[in-house]
Amino acid sequence: LMNSPFVIEQAKALAAQPTVSTASDNAAKITALYREIFNRPPDSEELAIGRDYLTSTNPPDTKQLSPIEQYAQLLLLTNEVMYVD
């Protein structure tokens, strides 16, 4: 699924959501993504991991996903999304 065009499109769409794209900082963007994907806020550890990821990624190449799109793709591939009880 990592290279699936469908998942990539969904990650781009999530990053383009107004709640994510207009967020003032990375913490707000991460929180918005968690609300969109998991319907819950991130815990403190998840927020720290997200901040680290977004500040450590290289600036995007125009052909690749932006860091926030990459993070959305990563969240879509987690077990919490893949398996529903």
Foldseek 3Di string as FASTA:
>chain_A
DLPDPVLLVVLVVQCPPCQQVVDDDQLSNQQSLCCVQVVHGDDPVSSVVSVCQLVPDDQDDPVDDGSSSSVSSVVCPDPSNVDDD
